[in-house]
Amino acid sequence: MSSARPKSGKSLLLFCTRQKPGDFAGFHHLIFGDGKADEIEVPCSGRVGTGELMQGLAAGYDKVVVLSCGEKSCRYGFGCSEAKKSMSRAREVAKVAGIDAKRLVFIEADEAKREGEE
């Protein structure tokens, strides 16, 4: 994989069926940046694996964003924590591959915050 910045200016947005991207207006800049996003609704953010996240980067998306239910509100009880694990692994892989790990963004609904921010 190359560390070159993609030219698409697009984000890939993976979001839990219980979350709607419009509900995260305060995170518009993190989700969309200066461009647009291709949106994929998933039954649970916990079903998004490290492979899917890396495929998004390999496909040329500027950012890959996961909007997840929070740990407190996940209908399955594990989706948010599993999505966080996948995101963490994807960031590690990205670093090893020379890709800016900041291109992988996780937003949790319960706290309506970006992972790593207090």
PDB file of N, CA and C in Angstrom:
ATOM      1  N   MET A   1       0.842  -1.179   0.000  1.00  0.00           N
ATOM      2  CA  MET A   1       0.000   0.000   0.000  1.00  0.00           C
ATOM      3  C   MET A   1       0.884   1.238   0.000  1.00  0.00           C
ATOM      4  N   SER A   2       0.359   2.287  -0.520  1.00  0.00           N
ATOM      5  CA  SER A   2       1.114   3.524  -0.629  1.00  0.00           C
ATOM      6  C   SER A   2       0.691   4.508   0.444  1.00  0.00           C
ATOM      7  N   SER A   3       1.631   5.345   0.861  1.00  0.00           N
ATOM      8  CA  SER A   3       1.301   6.357   1.857  1.00  0.00           C
ATOM      9  C   SER A   3       0.799   7.642   1.199  1.00  0.00           C
ATOM     10  N   ALA A   4       0.728   7.657  -0.132  1.00  0.00           N
ATOM     11  CA  ALA A   4       0.265   8.851  -0.843  1.00  0.00           C
ATOM     12  C   ALA A   4      -1.185   9.139  -0.490  1.00  0.00           C
ATOM     13  N   ARG A   5      -1.506  10.408  -0.423  1.00  0.00           N
ATOM     14  CA  ARG A   5      -2.883  10.809  -0.130  1.00  0.00           C
ATOM     15  C   ARG A   5      -3.757  10.461  -1.324  1.00  0.00           C
ATOM     16  N   PRO A   6      -4.932   9.947  -1.082  1.00  0.00           N
ATOM     17  CA  PRO A   6      -5.837   9.651  -2.190  1.00  0.00           C
ATOM     18  C   PRO A   6      -6.312  10.933  -2.860  1.00  0.00           C
ATOM     19  N   LYS A   7      -6.744  10.798  -4.058  1.00  0.00           N
ATOM     20  CA  LYS A   7      -7.168  11.964  -4.831  1.00  0.00           C
ATOM     21  C   LYS A   7      -8.679  12.122  -4.871  1.00  0.00           C
ATOM     22  N   SER A   8      -9.399  11.185  -4.279  1.00  0.00           N
ATOM     23  CA  SER A   8     -10.853  11.190  -4.404  1.00  0.00           C
ATOM     24  C   SER A   8     -11.529  12.311  -3.625  1.00  0.00           C
ATOM     25  N   GLY A   9     -10.996  12.661  -2.446  1.00  0.00           N
ATOM     26  CA  GLY A   9     -11.647  13.650  -1.595  1.00  0.00           C
ATOM     27  C   GLY A   9     -12.933  13.126  -0.988  1.00  0.00           C
ATOM     28  N   LYS A  10     -13.190  11.841  -1.137  1.00  0.00           N
ATOM     29  CA  LYS A  10     -14.413  11.234  -0.618  1.00  0.00           C
ATOM     30  C   LYS A  10     -14.138  10.456   0.656  1.00  0.00           C
ATOM     31  N   SER A  11     -15.175  10.349   1.462  1.00  0.00           N
ATOM     32  CA  SER A  11     -15.123   9.520   2.659  1.00  0.00           C
ATOM     33  C   SER A  11     -16.035   8.314   2.460  1.00  0.00           C
ATOM     34  N   LEU A  12     -15.687   7.234   3.125  1.00  0.00           N
ATOM     35  CA  LEU A  12     -16.558   6.074   3.200  1.00  0.00           C
ATOM     36  C   LEU A  12     -17.150   6.082   4.593  1.00  0.00           C
ATOM     37  N   LEU A  13     -18.458   6.114   4.683  1.00  0.00           N
ATOM     38  CA  LEU A  13     -19.170   6.194   5.950  1.00  0.00           C
ATOM     39  C   LEU A  13     -19.919   4.886   6.185  1.00  0.00           C
ATOM     40  N   LEU A  14     -19.528   4.182   7.232  1.00  0.00           N
ATOM     41  CA  LEU A  14     -20.195   2.941   7.626  1.00  0.00           C
ATOM     42  C   LEU A  14     -20.964   3.252   8.898  1.00  0.00           C
ATOM     43  N   PHE A  15     -22.266   3.039   8.878  1.00  0.00           N
ATOM     44  CA  PHE A  15     -23.041   3.419  10.058  1.00  0.00           C
ATOM     45  C   PHE A  15     -24.062   2.363  10.436  1.00  0.00           C
ATOM     46  N   CYS A  16     -24.228   2.228  11.753  1.00  0.00           N
ATOM     47  CA  CYS A  16     -25.199   1.304  12.322  1.00  0.00           C
ATOM     48  C   CYS A  16     -26.598   1.692  11.856  1.00  0.00           C
ATOM     49  N   THR A  17     -27.406   0.709  11.600  1.00  0.00           N
ATOM     50  CA  THR A  17     -28.767   0.954  11.129  1.00  0.00           C
ATOM     51  C   THR A  17     -29.570   1.813  12.103  1.00  0.00           C
ATOM     52  N   ARG A  18     -29.157   1.840  13.368  1.00  0.00           N
ATOM     53  CA  ARG A  18     -29.858   2.646  14.374  1.00  0.00           C
ATOM     54  C   ARG A  18     -29.355   4.079  14.428  1.00  0.00           C
ATOM     55  N   GLN A  19     -28.314   4.391  13.659  1.00  0.00           N
ATOM     56  CA  GLN A  19     -27.751   5.740  13.622  1.00  0.00           C
ATOM     57  C   GLN A  19     -27.960   6.324  12.234  1.00  0.00           C
ATOM     58  N   LYS A  20     -28.227   7.577  12.163  1.00  0.00           N
ATOM     59  CA  LYS A  20     -28.389   8.253  10.876  1.00  0.00           C
ATOM     60  C   LYS A  20     -27.334   9.348  10.779  1.00  0.00           C
ATOM     61  N   PRO A  21     -26.631   9.407   9.674  1.00  0.00           N
ATOM     62  CA  PRO A  21     -25.563  10.407   9.536  1.00  0.00           C
ATOM     63  C   PRO A  21     -26.016  11.836   9.817  1.00  0.00           C
ATOM     64  N   GLY A  22     -27.249  12.177   9.501  1.00  0.00           N
ATOM     65  CA  GLY A  22     -27.750  13.527   9.734  1.00  0.00           C
ATOM     66  C   GLY A  22     -27.818  13.907  11.200  1.00  0.00           C
ATOM     67  N   ASP A  23     -27.835  12.903  12.084  1.00  0.00           N
ATOM     68  CA  ASP A  23     -27.875  13.154  13.524  1.00  0.00           C
ATOM     69  C   ASP A  23     -26.526  13.614  14.081  1.00  0.00           C
ATOM     70  N   PHE A  24     -25.511  13.594  13.252  1.00  0.00           N
ATOM     71  CA  PHE A  24     -24.165  13.920  13.694  1.00  0.00           C
ATOM     72  C   PHE A  24     -23.655  15.190  13.023  1.00  0.00           C
ATOM     73  N   ALA A  25     -24.509  16.193  12.964  1.00  0.00           N
ATOM     74  CA  ALA A  25     -24.178  17.434  12.265  1.00  0.00           C
ATOM     75  C   ALA A  25     -22.899  18.076  12.802  1.00  0.00           C
ATOM     76  N   GLY A  26     -22.656  17.973  14.086  1.00  0.00           N
ATOM     77  CA  GLY A  26     -21.458  18.553  14.674  1.00  0.00           C
ATOM     78  C   GLY A  26     -20.171  17.887  14.225  1.00  0.00           C
ATOM     79  N   PHE A  27     -20.298  16.720  13.616  1.00  0.00           N
ATOM     80  CA  PHE A  27     -19.128  15.980  13.147  1.00  0.00           C
ATOM     81  C   PHE A  27     -19.012  16.005  11.632  1.00  0.00           C
ATOM     82  N   HIS A  28     -19.755  16.905  11.010  1.00  0.00           N
ATOM     83  CA  HIS A  28     -19.776  16.972   9.544  1.00  0.00           C
ATOM     84  C   HIS A  28     -18.375  17.053   8.962  1.00  0.00           C
ATOM     85  N   HIS A  29     -17.516  17.883   9.554  1.00  0.00           N
ATOM     86  CA  HIS A  29     -16.155  18.049   9.040  1.00  0.00           C
ATOM     87  C   HIS A  29     -15.334  16.773   9.177  1.00  0.00           C
ATOM     88  N   LEU A  30     -15.579  15.970  10.228  1.00  0.00           N
ATOM     89  CA  LEU A  30     -14.853  14.720  10.402  1.00  0.00           C
ATOM     90  C   LEU A  30     -15.345  13.657   9.433  1.00  0.00           C
ATOM     91  N   ILE A  31     -16.640  13.679   9.176  1.00  0.00           N
ATOM     92  CA  ILE A  31     -17.233  12.663   8.309  1.00  0.00           C
ATOM     93  C   ILE A  31     -16.957  12.972   6.850  1.00  0.00           C
ATOM     94  N   PHE A  32     -17.245  14.190   6.461  1.00  0.00           N
ATOM     95  CA  PHE A  32     -17.205  14.511   5.045  1.00  0.00           C
ATOM     96  C   PHE A  32     -15.965  15.269   4.604  1.00  0.00           C
ATOM     97  N   GLY A  33     -15.252  15.893   5.528  1.00  0.00           N
ATOM     98  CA  GLY A  33     -14.093  16.689   5.132  1.00  0.00           C
ATOM     99  C   GLY A  33     -14.526  17.763   4.153  1.00  0.00           C
ATOM    100  N   ASP A  34     -13.823  17.884   3.070  1.00  0.00           N
ATOM    101  CA  ASP A  34     -14.161  18.867   2.045  1.00  0.00           C
ATOM    102  C   ASP A  34     -14.986  18.259   0.923  1.00  0.00           C
ATOM    103  N   GLY A  35     -15.221  16.966   0.994  1.00  0.00           N
ATOM    104  CA  GLY A  35     -15.907  16.295  -0.105  1.00  0.00           C
ATOM    105  C   GLY A  35     -17.229  15.690   0.298  1.00  0.00           C
ATOM    106  N   LYS A  36     -17.516  14.580  -0.313  1.00  0.00           N
ATOM    107  CA  LYS A  36     -18.762  13.861  -0.080  1.00  0.00           C
ATOM    108  C   LYS A  36     -18.436  12.484   0.472  1.00  0.00           C
ATOM    109  N   ALA A  37     -19.477  11.776   0.882  1.00  0.00           N
ATOM    110  CA  ALA A  37     -19.265  10.435   1.432  1.00  0.00           C
ATOM    111  C   ALA A  37     -20.157   9.428   0.731  1.00  0.00           C
ATOM    112  N   ASP A  38     -19.616   8.250   0.543  1.00  0.00           N
ATOM    113  CA  ASP A  38     -20.424   7.105   0.149  1.00  0.00           C
ATOM    114  C   ASP A  38     -20.860   6.460   1.453  1.00  0.00           C
ATOM    115  N   GLU A  39     -22.150   6.225   1.591  1.00  0.00           N
ATOM    116  CA  GLU A  39     -22.693   5.715   2.844  1.00  0.00           C
ATOM    117  C   GLU A  39     -23.084   4.260   2.713  1.00  0.00           C
ATOM    118  N   ILE A  40     -22.710   3.473   3.714  1.00  0.00           N
ATOM    119  CA  ILE A  40     -23.104   2.065   3.771  1.00  0.00           C
ATOM    120  C   ILE A  40     -23.717   1.812   5.141  1.00  0.00           C
ATOM    121  N   GLU A  41     -24.973   1.441   5.141  1.00  0.00           N
ATOM    122  CA  GLU A  41     -25.667   1.098   6.385  1.00  0.00           C
ATOM    123  C   GLU A  41     -25.379  -0.366   6.695  1.00  0.00           C
ATOM    124  N   VAL A  42     -24.985  -0.638   7.938  1.00  0.00           N
ATOM    125  CA  VAL A  42     -24.705  -2.003   8.365  1.00  0.00           C
ATOM    126  C   VAL A  42     -25.642  -2.358   9.521  1.00  0.00           C
ATOM    127  N   PRO A  43     -25.975  -3.648   9.684  1.00  0.00           N
ATOM    128  CA  PRO A  43     -26.903  -4.024  10.744  1.00  0.00           C
ATOM    129  C   PRO A  43     -26.382  -3.688  12.138  1.00  0.00           C
ATOM    130  N   CYS A  44     -25.053  -3.684  12.291  1.00  0.00           N
ATOM    131  CA  CYS A  44     -24.418  -3.381  13.573  1.00  0.00           C
ATOM    132  C   CYS A  44     -22.983  -2.982  13.267  1.00  0.00           C
ATOM    133  N   SER A  45     -22.489  -1.937  13.918  1.00  0.00           N
ATOM    134  CA  SER A  45     -21.109  -1.507  13.669  1.00  0.00           C
ATOM    135  C   SER A  45     -20.110  -2.592  14.067  1.00  0.00           C
ATOM    136  N   GLY A  46     -20.506  -3.476  14.959  1.00  0.00           N
ATOM    137  CA  GLY A  46     -19.644  -4.580  15.362  1.00  0.00           C
ATOM    138  C   GLY A  46     -19.370  -5.561  14.243  1.00  0.00           C
ATOM    139  N   ARG A  47     -20.126  -5.471  13.162  1.00  0.00           N
ATOM    140  CA  ARG A  47     -19.908  -6.345  12.009  1.00  0.00           C
ATOM    141  C   ARG A  47     -18.894  -5.770  11.033  1.00  0.00           C
ATOM    142  N   VAL A  48     -18.434  -4.553  11.288  1.00  0.00           N
ATOM    143  CA  VAL A  48     -17.416  -3.930  10.446  1.00  0.00           C
ATOM    144  C   VAL A  48     -16.055  -4.384  10.967  1.00  0.00           C
ATOM    145  N   GLY A  49     -15.347  -5.123  10.146  1.00  0.00           N
ATOM    146  CA  GLY A  49     -14.053  -5.645  10.564  1.00  0.00           C
ATOM    147  C   GLY A  49     -12.877  -4.819  10.069  1.00  0.00           C
ATOM    148  N   THR A  50     -11.725  -5.199  10.539  1.00  0.00           N
ATOM    149  CA  THR A  50     -10.490  -4.539  10.135  1.00  0.00           C
ATOM    150  C   THR A  50     -10.320  -4.584   8.622  1.00  0.00           C
ATOM    151  N   GLY A  51     -10.666  -5.696   8.016  1.00  0.00           N
ATOM    152  CA  GLY A  51     -10.539  -5.846   6.559  1.00  0.00           C
ATOM    153  C   GLY A  51     -11.367  -4.827   5.797  1.00  0.00           C
ATOM    154  N   GLU A  52     -12.593  -4.624   6.214  1.00  0.00           N
ATOM    155  CA  GLU A  52     -13.452  -3.644   5.534  1.00  0.00           C
ATOM    156  C   GLU A  52     -12.898  -2.234   5.675  1.00  0.00           C
ATOM    157  N   LEU A  53     -12.377  -1.926   6.840  1.00  0.00           N
ATOM    158  CA  LEU A  53     -11.808  -0.600   7.052  1.00  0.00           C
ATOM    159  C   LEU A  53     -10.597  -0.378   6.146  1.00  0.00           C
ATOM    160  N   MET A  54      -9.730  -1.379   6.069  1.00  0.00           N
ATOM    161  CA  MET A  54      -8.544  -1.261   5.222  1.00  0.00           C
ATOM    162  C   MET A  54      -8.914  -1.260   3.733  1.00  0.00           C
ATOM    163  N   GLN A  55      -9.939  -1.998   3.375  1.00  0.00           N
ATOM    164  CA  GLN A  55     -10.393  -1.990   1.982  1.00  0.00           C
ATOM    165  C   GLN A  55     -10.862  -0.605   1.577  1.00  0.00           C
ATOM    166  N   GLY A  56     -11.502   0.098   2.499  1.00  0.00           N
ATOM    167  CA  GLY A  56     -11.934   1.461   2.212  1.00  0.00           C
ATOM    168  C   GLY A  56     -10.758   2.363   1.883  1.00  0.00           C
ATOM    169  N   LEU A  57      -9.684   2.239   2.652  1.00  0.00           N
ATOM    170  CA  LEU A  57      -8.484   3.033   2.378  1.00  0.00           C
ATOM    171  C   LEU A  57      -7.847   2.601   1.059  1.00  0.00           C
ATOM    172  N   ALA A  58      -7.770   1.287   0.846  1.00  0.00           N
ATOM    173  CA  ALA A  58      -7.165   0.767  -0.384  1.00  0.00           C
ATOM    174  C   ALA A  58      -7.963   1.184  -1.619  1.00  0.00           C
ATOM    175  N   ALA A  59      -9.268   1.383  -1.441  1.00  0.00           N
ATOM    176  CA  ALA A  59     -10.121   1.795  -2.567  1.00  0.00           C
ATOM    177  C   ALA A  59      -9.944   3.270  -2.913  1.00  0.00           C
ATOM    178  N   GLY A  60      -9.179   3.989  -2.084  1.00  0.00           N
ATOM    179  CA  GLY A  60      -8.886   5.381  -2.393  1.00  0.00           C
ATOM    180  C   GLY A  60      -9.707   6.407  -1.648  1.00  0.00           C
ATOM    181  N   TYR A  61     -10.453   5.974  -0.649  1.00  0.00           N
ATOM    182  CA  TYR A  61     -11.200   6.949   0.144  1.00  0.00           C
ATOM    183  C   TYR A  61     -10.239   7.752   1.001  1.00  0.00           C
ATOM    184  N   ASP A  62     -10.525   9.034   1.130  1.00  0.00           N
ATOM    185  CA  ASP A  62      -9.707   9.914   1.955  1.00  0.00           C
ATOM    186  C   ASP A  62      -9.849   9.551   3.422  1.00  0.00           C
ATOM    187  N   LYS A  63     -11.062   9.199   3.842  1.00  0.00           N
ATOM    188  CA  LYS A  63     -11.338   8.796   5.221  1.00  0.00           C
ATOM    189  C   LYS A  63     -12.298   7.614   5.197  1.00  0.00           C
ATOM    190  N   VAL A  64     -12.166   6.791   6.225  1.00  0.00           N
ATOM    191  CA  VAL A  64     -13.143   5.739   6.479  1.00  0.00           C
ATOM    192  C   VAL A  64     -13.683   6.022   7.876  1.00  0.00           C
ATOM    193  N   VAL A  65     -14.984   6.268   7.963  1.00  0.00           N
ATOM    194  CA  VAL A  65     -15.626   6.696   9.202  1.00  0.00           C
ATOM    195  C   VAL A  65     -16.649   5.651   9.641  1.00  0.00           C
ATOM    196  N   VAL A  66     -16.632   5.314  10.922  1.00  0.00           N
ATOM    197  CA  VAL A  66     -17.641   4.420  11.499  1.00  0.00           C
ATOM    198  C   VAL A  66     -18.461   5.225  12.492  1.00  0.00           C
ATOM    199  N   LEU A  67     -19.776   5.266  12.270  1.00  0.00           N
ATOM    200  CA  LEU A  67     -20.725   5.852  13.229  1.00  0.00           C
ATOM    201  C   LEU A  67     -21.363   4.676  13.956  1.00  0.00           C
ATOM    202  N   SER A  68     -21.147   4.614  15.248  1.00  0.00           N
ATOM    203  CA  SER A  68     -21.608   3.469  16.018  1.00  0.00           C
ATOM    204  C   SER A  68     -22.574   3.894  17.109  1.00  0.00           C
ATOM    205  N   CYS A  69     -23.501   2.995  17.436  1.00  0.00           N
ATOM    206  CA  CYS A  69     -24.260   3.170  18.665  1.00  0.00           C
ATOM    207  C   CYS A  69     -23.223   3.174  19.782  1.00  0.00           C
ATOM    208  N   GLY A  70     -23.568   3.705  20.894  1.00  0.00           N
ATOM    209  CA  GLY A  70     -22.640   3.669  22.014  1.00  0.00           C
ATOM    210  C   GLY A  70     -22.719   2.357  22.758  1.00  0.00           C
ATOM    211  N   GLU A  71     -21.769   2.134  23.622  1.00  0.00           N
ATOM    212  CA  GLU A  71     -21.757   0.900  24.408  1.00  0.00           C
ATOM    213  C   GLU A  71     -23.002   0.783  25.270  1.00  0.00           C
ATOM    214  N   LYS A  72     -23.547   1.903  25.724  1.00  0.00           N
ATOM    215  CA  LYS A  72     -24.735   1.902  26.578  1.00  0.00           C
ATOM    216  C   LYS A  72     -26.014   1.612  25.801  1.00  0.00           C
ATOM    217  N   SER A  73     -26.029   1.935  24.525  1.00  0.00           N
ATOM    218  CA  SER A  73     -27.278   1.814  23.772  1.00  0.00           C
ATOM    219  C   SER A  73     -27.266   0.748  22.686  1.00  0.00           C
ATOM    220  N   CYS A  74     -26.178   0.014  22.545  1.00  0.00           N
ATOM    221  CA  CYS A  74     -26.112  -1.015  21.506  1.00  0.00           C
ATOM    222  C   CYS A  74     -27.158  -2.099  21.772  1.00  0.00           C
ATOM    223  N   ARG A  75     -27.965  -2.360  20.796  1.00  0.00           N
ATOM    224  CA  ARG A  75     -29.029  -3.354  20.976  1.00  0.00           C
ATOM    225  C   ARG A  75     -28.467  -4.750  21.201  1.00  0.00           C
ATOM    226  N   TYR A  76     -27.271  -5.009  20.709  1.00  0.00           N
ATOM    227  CA  TYR A  76     -26.673  -6.334  20.864  1.00  0.00           C
ATOM    228  C   TYR A  76     -25.719  -6.415  22.051  1.00  0.00           C
ATOM    229  N   GLY A  77     -25.345  -5.260  22.588  1.00  0.00           N
ATOM    230  CA  GLY A  77     -24.494  -5.230  23.762  1.00  0.00           C
ATOM    231  C   GLY A  77     -22.999  -5.323  23.492  1.00  0.00           C
ATOM    232  N   PHE A  78     -22.609  -5.615  22.255  1.00  0.00           N
ATOM    233  CA  PHE A  78     -21.187  -5.777  21.967  1.00  0.00           C
ATOM    234  C   PHE A  78     -20.729  -5.017  20.723  1.00  0.00           C
ATOM    235  N   GLY A  79     -21.636  -4.465  19.969  1.00  0.00           N
ATOM    236  CA  GLY A  79     -21.298  -3.856  18.688  1.00  0.00           C
ATOM    237  C   GLY A  79     -20.273  -2.748  18.777  1.00  0.00           C
ATOM    238  N   CYS A  80     -20.485  -1.824  19.667  1.00  0.00           N
ATOM    239  CA  CYS A  80     -19.574  -0.689  19.803  1.00  0.00           C
ATOM    240  C   CYS A  80     -18.181  -1.154  20.203  1.00  0.00           C
ATOM    241  N   SER A  81     -18.102  -2.036  21.190  1.00  0.00           N
ATOM    242  CA  SER A  81     -16.780  -2.489  21.647  1.00  0.00           C
ATOM    243  C   SER A  81     -16.065  -3.281  20.560  1.00  0.00           C
ATOM    244  N   GLU A  82     -16.791  -4.084  19.797  1.00  0.00           N
ATOM    245  CA  GLU A  82     -16.162  -4.828  18.697  1.00  0.00           C
ATOM    246  C   GLU A  82     -15.714  -3.887  17.585  1.00  0.00           C
ATOM    247  N   ALA A  83     -16.516  -2.869  17.299  1.00  0.00           N
ATOM    248  CA  ALA A  83     -16.139  -1.896  16.270  1.00  0.00           C
ATOM    249  C   ALA A  83     -14.889  -1.130  16.691  1.00  0.00           C
ATOM    250  N   LYS A  84     -14.793  -0.802  17.977  1.00  0.00           N
ATOM    251  CA  LYS A  84     -13.597  -0.117  18.480  1.00  0.00           C
ATOM    252  C   LYS A  84     -12.354  -0.995  18.332  1.00  0.00           C
ATOM    253  N   LYS A  85     -12.502  -2.285  18.609  1.00  0.00           N
ATOM    254  CA  LYS A  85     -11.372  -3.208  18.451  1.00  0.00           C
ATOM    255  C   LYS A  85     -10.924  -3.269  16.994  1.00  0.00           C
ATOM    256  N   SER A  86     -11.880  -3.366  16.087  1.00  0.00           N
ATOM    257  CA  SER A  86     -11.549  -3.403  14.655  1.00  0.00           C
ATOM    258  C   SER A  86     -10.860  -2.125  14.230  1.00  0.00           C
ATOM    259  N   MET A  87     -11.345  -0.996  14.721  1.00  0.00           N
ATOM    260  CA  MET A  87     -10.750   0.292  14.381  1.00  0.00           C
ATOM    261  C   MET A  87      -9.322   0.364  14.902  1.00  0.00           C
ATOM    262  N   SER A  88      -9.101  -0.099  16.115  1.00  0.00           N
ATOM    263  CA  SER A  88      -7.766  -0.082  16.704  1.00  0.00           C
ATOM    264  C   SER A  88      -6.804  -0.936  15.876  1.00  0.00           C
ATOM    265  N   ARG A  89      -7.236  -2.131  15.495  1.00  0.00           N
ATOM    266  CA  ARG A  89      -6.391  -3.009  14.677  1.00  0.00           C
ATOM    267  C   ARG A  89      -6.113  -2.380  13.319  1.00  0.00           C
ATOM    268  N   ALA A  90      -7.129  -1.767  12.718  1.00  0.00           N
ATOM    269  CA  ALA A  90      -6.948  -1.133  11.406  1.00  0.00           C
ATOM    270  C   ALA A  90      -5.951   0.020  11.496  1.00  0.00           C
ATOM    271  N   ARG A  91      -6.001   0.762  12.572  1.00  0.00           N
ATOM    272  CA  ARG A  91      -5.034   1.860  12.754  1.00  0.00           C
ATOM    273  C   ARG A  91      -3.612   1.328  12.883  1.00  0.00           C
ATOM    274  N   GLU A  92      -3.456   0.209  13.577  1.00  0.00           N
ATOM    275  CA  GLU A  92      -2.133  -0.405  13.696  1.00  0.00           C
ATOM    276  C   GLU A  92      -1.623  -0.859  12.339  1.00  0.00           C
ATOM    277  N   VAL A  93      -2.484  -1.506  11.561  1.00  0.00           N
ATOM    278  CA  VAL A  93      -2.108  -1.964  10.223  1.00  0.00           C
ATOM    279  C   VAL A  93      -1.759  -0.774   9.335  1.00  0.00           C
ATOM    280  N   ALA A  94      -2.553   0.279   9.430  1.00  0.00           N
ATOM    281  CA  ALA A  94      -2.302   1.470   8.618  1.00  0.00           C
ATOM    282  C   ALA A  94      -0.918   2.047   8.924  1.00  0.00           C
ATOM    283  N   LYS A  95      -0.588   2.143  10.201  1.00  0.00           N
ATOM    284  CA  LYS A  95       0.720   2.685  10.585  1.00  0.00           C
ATOM    285  C   LYS A  95       1.854   1.851  10.002  1.00  0.00           C
ATOM    286  N   VAL A  96       1.739   0.537  10.100  1.00  0.00           N
ATOM    287  CA  VAL A  96       2.760  -0.355   9.559  1.00  0.00           C
ATOM    288  C   VAL A  96       2.880  -0.179   8.042  1.00  0.00           C
ATOM    289  N   ALA A  97       1.758   0.067   7.390  1.00  0.00           N
ATOM    290  CA  ALA A  97       1.739   0.223   5.936  1.00  0.00           C
ATOM    291  C   ALA A  97       2.120   1.631   5.487  1.00  0.00           C
ATOM    292  N   GLY A  98       2.385   2.518   6.436  1.00  0.00           N
ATOM    293  CA  GLY A  98       2.766   3.880   6.084  1.00  0.00           C
ATOM    294  C   GLY A  98       1.591   4.768   5.716  1.00  0.00           C
ATOM    295  N   ILE A  99       0.416   4.408   6.190  1.00  0.00           N
ATOM    296  CA  ILE A  99      -0.803   5.172   5.923  1.00  0.00           C
ATOM    297  C   ILE A  99      -1.151   5.967   7.175  1.00  0.00           C
ATOM    298  N   ASP A 100      -1.559   7.189   7.013  1.00  0.00           N
ATOM    299  CA  ASP A 100      -1.940   8.036   8.137  1.00  0.00           C
ATOM    300  C   ASP A 100      -3.166   7.437   8.831  1.00  0.00           C
ATOM    301  N   ALA A 101      -2.990   6.981  10.065  1.00  0.00           N
ATOM    302  CA  ALA A 101      -4.075   6.344  10.825  1.00  0.00           C
ATOM    303  C   ALA A 101      -5.199   7.318  11.143  1.00  0.00           C
ATOM    304  N   LYS A 102      -4.945   8.630  11.030  1.00  0.00           N
ATOM    305  CA  LYS A 102      -5.998   9.617  11.273  1.00  0.00           C
ATOM    306  C   LYS A 102      -7.070   9.584  10.190  1.00  0.00           C
ATOM    307  N   ARG A 103      -6.812   8.859   9.120  1.00  0.00           N
ATOM    308  CA  ARG A 103      -7.819   8.702   8.065  1.00  0.00           C
ATOM    309  C   ARG A 103      -8.913   7.716   8.486  1.00  0.00           C
ATOM    310  N   LEU A 104      -8.729   7.041   9.608  1.00  0.00           N
ATOM    311  CA  LEU A 104      -9.727   6.131  10.168  1.00  0.00           C
ATOM    312  C   LEU A 104     -10.362   6.826  11.358  1.00  0.00           C
ATOM    313  N   VAL A 105     -11.674   7.059  11.290  1.00  0.00           N
ATOM    314  CA  VAL A 105     -12.383   7.848  12.302  1.00  0.00           C
ATOM    315  C   VAL A 105     -13.512   7.019  12.901  1.00  0.00           C
ATOM    316  N   PHE A 106     -13.606   7.029  14.232  1.00  0.00           N
ATOM    317  CA  PHE A 106     -14.675   6.323  14.941  1.00  0.00           C
ATOM    318  C   PHE A 106     -15.462   7.326  15.763  1.00  0.00           C
ATOM    319  N   ILE A 107     -16.782   7.327  15.603  1.00  0.00           N
ATOM    320  CA  ILE A 107     -17.652   8.219  16.365  1.00  0.00           C
ATOM    321  C   ILE A 107     -18.710   7.375  17.068  1.00  0.00           C
ATOM    322  N   GLU A 108     -18.784   7.551  18.393  1.00  0.00           N
ATOM    323  CA  GLU A 108     -19.715   6.798  19.232  1.00  0.00           C
ATOM    324  C   GLU A 108     -20.922   7.661  19.554  1.00  0.00           C
ATOM    325  N   ALA A 109     -22.107   7.121  19.361  1.00  0.00           N
ATOM    326  CA  ALA A 109     -23.335   7.895  19.519  1.00  0.00           C
ATOM    327  C   ALA A 109     -23.661   8.272  20.953  1.00  0.00           C
ATOM    328  N   ASP A 110     -23.476   7.363  21.912  1.00  0.00           N
ATOM    329  CA  ASP A 110     -23.865   7.661  23.299  1.00  0.00           C
ATOM    330  C   ASP A 110     -23.222   8.945  23.794  1.00  0.00           C
ATOM    331  N   GLU A 111     -21.972   9.070  23.515  1.00  0.00           N
ATOM    332  CA  GLU A 111     -21.244  10.234  23.972  1.00  0.00           C
ATOM    333  C   GLU A 111     -21.175  11.303  22.894  1.00  0.00           C
ATOM    334  N   ALA A 112     -21.583  10.936  21.677  1.00  0.00           N
ATOM    335  CA  ALA A 112     -21.476  11.829  20.522  1.00  0.00           C
ATOM    336  C   ALA A 112     -20.100  12.470  20.487  1.00  0.00           C
ATOM    337  N   LYS A 113     -19.098  11.597  20.523  1.00  0.00           N
ATOM    338  CA  LYS A 113     -17.737  12.105  20.501  1.00  0.00           C
ATOM    339  C   LYS A 113     -16.887  11.225  19.598  1.00  0.00           C
ATOM    340  N   ARG A 114     -15.811  11.806  19.173  1.00  0.00           N
ATOM    341  CA  ARG A 114     -14.841  11.089  18.378  1.00  0.00           C
ATOM    342  C   ARG A 114     -13.972  10.299  19.337  1.00  0.00           C
ATOM    343  N   GLU A 115     -13.642   9.076  18.975  1.00  0.00           N
ATOM    344  CA  GLU A 115     -12.804   8.242  19.815  1.00  0.00           C
ATOM    345  C   GLU A 115     -11.511   8.967  20.157  1.00  0.00           C
ATOM    346  N   GLY A 116     -11.133   8.922  21.416  1.00  0.00           N
ATOM    347  CA  GLY A 116      -9.898   9.535  21.862  1.00  0.00           C
ATOM    348  C   GLY A 116     -10.084  10.946  22.396  1.00  0.00           C
ATOM    349  N   GLU A 117     -11.244  11.540  22.189  1.00  0.00           N
ATOM    350  CA  GLU A 117     -11.509  12.883  22.708  1.00  0.00           C
ATOM    351  C   GLU A 117     -12.288  12.771  23.999  1.00  0.00           C
ATOM    352  N   GLU A 118     -12.007  13.600  24.925  1.00  0.00           N
ATOM    353  CA  GLU A 118     -12.729  13.584  26.213  1.00  0.00           C
ATOM    354  C   GLU A 118     -13.680  14.750  26.278  1.00  0.00           C
TER     355      GLU A 118
END
